[in-house]
């Protein structure tokens, strides 16, 4: 929808689309931050070891959520740029686009 809003030609819409798309990955990780105690207790009751849970808790400290979001946006911008370069290199040269 974001790409279509820019009629598939707007650079701003392309970058925004890639940034939004990369943030979908966070959905599977959000419970580790939002419902931290319930998430790890459920993991423990399903057979997770205390050693693994404590190491995962240390890797998902509260300050990591903004880092993951920012890195997702940076990855989206890089992906948009690479897509633009590849489009020009292969498809524009070939006369397809």
N, C-alpha and C. Protein backbone atom coordinates (compact mmCIF):
# COMPACT_ATOMS: atom_id res chain seq x y z
N UNK A 1 0.82 -1.19 0.00
CA UNK A 1 0.00 0.00 0.00
C UNK A 1 0.86 1.26 0.00
N UNK A 2 1.97 1.19 0.71
CA UNK A 2 2.85 2.36 0.74
C UNK A 2 3.50 2.58 -0.62
N UNK A 3 3.94 1.50 -1.25
CA UNK A 3 4.53 1.63 -2.58
C UNK A 3 3.49 2.13 -3.57
N UNK A 4 2.28 1.62 -3.47
CA UNK A 4 1.22 2.02 -4.38
C UNK A 4 0.87 3.50 -4.20
N UNK A 5 0.91 3.99 -2.96
CA UNK A 5 0.62 5.40 -2.71
C UNK A 5 1.60 6.30 -3.47
N UNK A 6 2.80 5.83 -3.67
CA UNK A 6 3.80 6.58 -4.43
C UNK A 6 3.84 6.18 -5.88
N UNK A 7 2.83 5.42 -6.32
CA UNK A 7 2.72 4.92 -7.69
C UNK A 7 3.96 4.15 -8.11
N UNK A 8 4.59 3.49 -7.17
CA UNK A 8 5.76 2.63 -7.38
C UNK A 8 6.96 3.37 -7.95
N UNK A 9 6.93 4.71 -7.92
CA UNK A 9 8.03 5.49 -8.47
C UNK A 9 8.64 6.46 -7.47
N UNK A 10 7.95 6.70 -6.36
CA UNK A 10 8.41 7.67 -5.38
C UNK A 10 9.49 7.07 -4.49
N UNK A 11 10.65 7.72 -4.45
CA UNK A 11 11.75 7.25 -3.63
C UNK A 11 11.37 7.31 -2.15
N UNK A 12 10.67 8.36 -1.73
CA UNK A 12 10.26 8.50 -0.33
C UNK A 12 9.33 7.36 0.08
N UNK A 13 8.39 7.02 -0.78
CA UNK A 13 7.47 5.93 -0.47
C UNK A 13 8.19 4.58 -0.45
N UNK A 14 9.17 4.43 -1.30
CA UNK A 14 9.93 3.19 -1.33
C UNK A 14 10.70 3.01 -0.02
N UNK A 15 11.39 4.05 0.41
CA UNK A 15 12.15 3.97 1.66
C UNK A 15 11.21 3.73 2.83
N UNK A 16 10.10 4.46 2.89
CA UNK A 16 9.13 4.28 3.97
C UNK A 16 8.57 2.85 3.97
N UNK A 17 8.27 2.32 2.79
CA UNK A 17 7.75 0.96 2.68
C UNK A 17 8.73 -0.08 3.19
N UNK A 18 9.99 0.06 2.83
CA UNK A 18 11.01 -0.87 3.31
C UNK A 18 11.19 -0.75 4.82
N UNK A 19 11.16 0.47 5.34
CA UNK A 19 11.31 0.66 6.80
C UNK A 19 10.16 0.02 7.56
N UNK A 20 8.93 0.23 7.09
CA UNK A 20 7.77 -0.37 7.75
C UNK A 20 7.83 -1.89 7.67
N UNK A 21 8.20 -2.41 6.50
CA UNK A 21 8.26 -3.85 6.32
C UNK A 21 9.28 -4.50 7.26
N UNK A 22 10.42 -3.86 7.45
CA UNK A 22 11.43 -4.46 8.32
C UNK A 22 11.01 -4.44 9.79
N UNK A 23 10.11 -3.55 10.16
CA UNK A 23 9.65 -3.49 11.55
C UNK A 23 8.68 -4.61 11.90
N UNK A 24 8.12 -5.32 10.91
CA UNK A 24 7.20 -6.42 11.21
C UNK A 24 7.88 -7.52 12.00
N UNK A 25 9.17 -7.66 11.84
CA UNK A 25 9.93 -8.70 12.53
C UNK A 25 9.85 -8.52 14.05
N UNK A 26 9.72 -7.30 14.49
CA UNK A 26 9.69 -7.02 15.93
C UNK A 26 8.48 -7.66 16.60
N UNK A 27 7.42 -7.89 15.85
CA UNK A 27 6.19 -8.45 16.43
C UNK A 27 6.41 -9.74 17.18
N UNK A 28 7.28 -10.59 16.68
CA UNK A 28 7.53 -11.86 17.37
C UNK A 28 8.40 -11.68 18.61
N UNK A 29 9.11 -10.57 18.69
CA UNK A 29 9.99 -10.33 19.83
C UNK A 29 9.37 -9.43 20.90
N UNK A 30 8.32 -8.71 20.56
CA UNK A 30 7.72 -7.76 21.51
C UNK A 30 7.29 -8.38 22.84
N UNK A 31 6.75 -9.59 22.87
CA UNK A 31 6.38 -10.16 24.18
C UNK A 31 7.54 -10.24 25.16
N UNK A 32 8.77 -10.36 24.66
CA UNK A 32 9.92 -10.41 25.56
C UNK A 32 10.13 -9.09 26.30
N UNK A 33 9.62 -8.00 25.73
CA UNK A 33 9.74 -6.70 26.38
C UNK A 33 8.43 -6.27 27.06
N UNK A 34 7.32 -6.48 26.39
CA UNK A 34 6.03 -5.98 26.89
C UNK A 34 5.49 -6.86 28.01
N UNK A 35 5.52 -8.18 27.83
CA UNK A 35 5.01 -9.12 28.83
C UNK A 35 6.16 -9.97 29.36
N UNK A 36 7.21 -9.32 29.77
CA UNK A 36 8.47 -9.98 30.11
C UNK A 36 8.30 -11.14 31.10
N UNK A 37 7.70 -10.88 32.25
CA UNK A 37 7.58 -11.93 33.27
C UNK A 37 6.72 -13.09 32.80
N UNK A 38 5.57 -12.77 32.19
CA UNK A 38 4.67 -13.82 31.72
C UNK A 38 5.31 -14.63 30.59
N UNK A 39 6.04 -13.95 29.71
CA UNK A 39 6.68 -14.62 28.59
C UNK A 39 7.71 -15.64 29.08
N UNK A 40 8.58 -15.21 29.97
CA UNK A 40 9.64 -16.11 30.43
C UNK A 40 9.10 -17.19 31.36
N UNK A 41 8.04 -16.90 32.10
CA UNK A 41 7.42 -17.93 32.93
C UNK A 41 6.78 -19.00 32.06
N UNK A 42 6.12 -18.58 30.98
CA UNK A 42 5.53 -19.55 30.05
C UNK A 42 6.63 -20.38 29.39
N UNK A 43 7.73 -19.73 29.05
CA UNK A 43 8.85 -20.44 28.45
C UNK A 43 9.42 -21.47 29.42
N UNK A 44 9.53 -21.08 30.69
CA UNK A 44 10.04 -21.98 31.73
C UNK A 44 9.09 -23.17 31.91
N UNK A 45 7.78 -22.92 31.91
CA UNK A 45 6.82 -24.00 32.11
C UNK A 45 6.75 -24.95 30.91
N UNK A 46 7.23 -24.49 29.76
CA UNK A 46 7.27 -25.35 28.57
C UNK A 46 8.62 -26.06 28.42
N UNK A 47 9.42 -26.04 29.45
CA UNK A 47 10.66 -26.81 29.43
C UNK A 47 11.92 -26.01 29.20
N UNK A 48 11.84 -24.69 29.20
CA UNK A 48 13.04 -23.88 29.03
C UNK A 48 13.92 -23.95 30.26
N UNK A 49 15.21 -24.05 30.04
CA UNK A 49 16.13 -24.13 31.18
C UNK A 49 16.39 -22.74 31.75
N UNK A 50 16.68 -22.70 33.03
CA UNK A 50 16.96 -21.42 33.70
C UNK A 50 18.18 -20.72 33.11
N UNK A 51 19.16 -21.51 32.73
CA UNK A 51 20.38 -20.94 32.14
C UNK A 51 20.06 -20.23 30.82
N UNK A 52 19.28 -20.90 29.97
CA UNK A 52 18.91 -20.30 28.69
C UNK A 52 18.04 -19.06 28.89
N UNK A 53 17.08 -19.15 29.81
CA UNK A 53 16.18 -18.02 30.06
C UNK A 53 16.96 -16.82 30.60
N UNK A 54 17.88 -17.04 31.50
CA UNK A 54 18.65 -15.91 32.05
C UNK A 54 19.54 -15.28 30.98
N UNK A 55 20.11 -16.10 30.10
CA UNK A 55 20.93 -15.52 29.03
C UNK A 55 20.06 -14.76 28.03
N UNK A 56 18.87 -15.27 27.75
CA UNK A 56 17.95 -14.56 26.85
C UNK A 56 17.46 -13.26 27.48
N UNK A 57 17.22 -13.28 28.78
CA UNK A 57 16.80 -12.06 29.48
C UNK A 57 17.90 -11.00 29.45
N UNK A 58 19.14 -11.43 29.55
CA UNK A 58 20.23 -10.45 29.51
C UNK A 58 20.41 -9.87 28.10
N UNK A 59 20.08 -10.66 27.08
CA UNK A 59 20.19 -10.17 25.70
C UNK A 59 19.02 -9.26 25.31
N UNK A 60 17.91 -9.38 26.02
CA UNK A 60 16.73 -8.58 25.69
C UNK A 60 16.44 -7.56 26.79
N UNK A 61 17.46 -6.87 27.21
CA UNK A 61 17.27 -5.81 28.21
C UNK A 61 16.36 -4.73 27.61
N UNK A 62 15.74 -3.94 28.47
CA UNK A 62 14.79 -2.93 28.00
C UNK A 62 15.39 -1.93 27.02
N UNK A 63 16.66 -1.62 27.17
CA UNK A 63 17.28 -0.65 26.27
C UNK A 63 17.49 -1.22 24.86
N UNK A 64 17.33 -2.54 24.71
CA UNK A 64 17.52 -3.15 23.39
C UNK A 64 16.36 -2.91 22.43
N UNK A 65 15.15 -2.67 22.94
CA UNK A 65 14.00 -2.47 22.06
C UNK A 65 14.21 -1.28 21.13
N UNK A 66 14.59 -0.09 21.62
CA UNK A 66 14.84 1.01 20.68
C UNK A 66 15.98 0.71 19.72
N UNK A 67 16.97 -0.03 20.18
CA UNK A 67 18.09 -0.40 19.30
C UNK A 67 17.59 -1.27 18.16
N UNK A 68 16.75 -2.25 18.46
CA UNK A 68 16.20 -3.13 17.43
C UNK A 68 15.35 -2.33 16.44
N UNK A 69 14.56 -1.39 16.94
CA UNK A 69 13.73 -0.57 16.07
C UNK A 69 14.60 0.29 15.14
N UNK A 70 15.60 0.95 15.70
CA UNK A 70 16.47 1.81 14.90
C UNK A 70 17.25 0.99 13.87
N UNK A 71 17.76 -0.16 14.28
CA UNK A 71 18.49 -1.00 13.32
C UNK A 71 17.57 -1.51 12.21
N UNK A 72 16.31 -1.76 12.53
CA UNK A 72 15.35 -2.13 11.50
C UNK A 72 15.13 -1.02 10.49
N UNK A 73 15.05 0.20 10.97
CA UNK A 73 14.89 1.35 10.07
C UNK A 73 16.13 1.53 9.21
N UNK A 74 17.30 1.41 9.82
CA UNK A 74 18.55 1.51 9.06
C UNK A 74 18.61 0.42 8.00
N UNK A 75 18.22 -0.79 8.37
CA UNK A 75 18.19 -1.89 7.40
C UNK A 75 17.20 -1.63 6.28
N UNK A 76 16.07 -1.00 6.60
CA UNK A 76 15.10 -0.65 5.57
C UNK A 76 15.64 0.36 4.59
N UNK A 77 16.35 1.35 5.09
CA UNK A 77 16.95 2.37 4.21
C UNK A 77 18.02 1.72 3.33
N UNK A 78 18.85 0.88 3.90
CA UNK A 78 19.87 0.18 3.12
C UNK A 78 19.22 -0.71 2.07
N UNK A 79 18.16 -1.43 2.45
CA UNK A 79 17.46 -2.28 1.50
C UNK A 79 16.84 -1.50 0.36
N UNK A 80 16.27 -0.33 0.66
CA UNK A 80 15.70 0.51 -0.39
C UNK A 80 16.79 1.00 -1.34
N UNK A 81 17.92 1.41 -0.78
CA UNK A 81 19.02 1.87 -1.61
C UNK A 81 19.55 0.74 -2.50
N UNK A 82 19.75 -0.45 -1.92
CA UNK A 82 20.22 -1.58 -2.72
C UNK A 82 19.22 -1.95 -3.82
N UNK A 83 17.94 -1.89 -3.49
CA UNK A 83 16.92 -2.16 -4.49
C UNK A 83 16.98 -1.17 -5.64
N UNK A 84 17.21 0.09 -5.31
CA UNK A 84 17.31 1.12 -6.34
C UNK A 84 18.53 0.89 -7.23
N UNK A 85 19.66 0.55 -6.61
CA UNK A 85 20.89 0.30 -7.37
C UNK A 85 20.72 -0.90 -8.29
N UNK A 86 20.15 -1.97 -7.77
CA UNK A 86 19.96 -3.18 -8.58
C UNK A 86 18.97 -2.93 -9.71
N UNK A 87 17.91 -2.17 -9.42
CA UNK A 87 16.93 -1.83 -10.45
C UNK A 87 17.60 -1.08 -11.60
N UNK A 88 18.41 -0.09 -11.26
CA UNK A 88 19.10 0.67 -12.31
C UNK A 88 20.11 -0.20 -13.06
N UNK A 89 20.85 -0.99 -12.31
CA UNK A 89 21.93 -1.78 -12.92
C UNK A 89 21.41 -2.81 -13.90
N UNK A 90 20.33 -3.49 -13.54
CA UNK A 90 19.89 -4.60 -14.37
C UNK A 90 18.67 -4.28 -15.23
N UNK A 91 17.66 -3.70 -14.66
CA UNK A 91 16.40 -3.55 -15.39
C UNK A 91 16.35 -2.28 -16.25
N UNK A 92 16.89 -1.18 -15.77
CA UNK A 92 16.89 0.04 -16.57
C UNK A 92 17.83 -0.12 -17.75
N UNK A 93 19.01 -0.70 -17.52
CA UNK A 93 19.95 -0.93 -18.61
C UNK A 93 19.36 -1.84 -19.68
N UNK A 94 18.60 -2.84 -19.24
CA UNK A 94 18.01 -3.78 -20.19
C UNK A 94 16.79 -3.20 -20.89
N UNK A 95 16.32 -2.06 -20.42
CA UNK A 95 15.17 -1.42 -21.04
C UNK A 95 13.84 -1.99 -20.58
N UNK A 96 13.85 -2.76 -19.51
CA UNK A 96 12.61 -3.35 -19.00
C UNK A 96 11.79 -2.31 -18.26
N UNK A 97 12.48 -1.43 -17.53
CA UNK A 97 11.78 -0.39 -16.75
C UNK A 97 12.09 0.96 -17.32
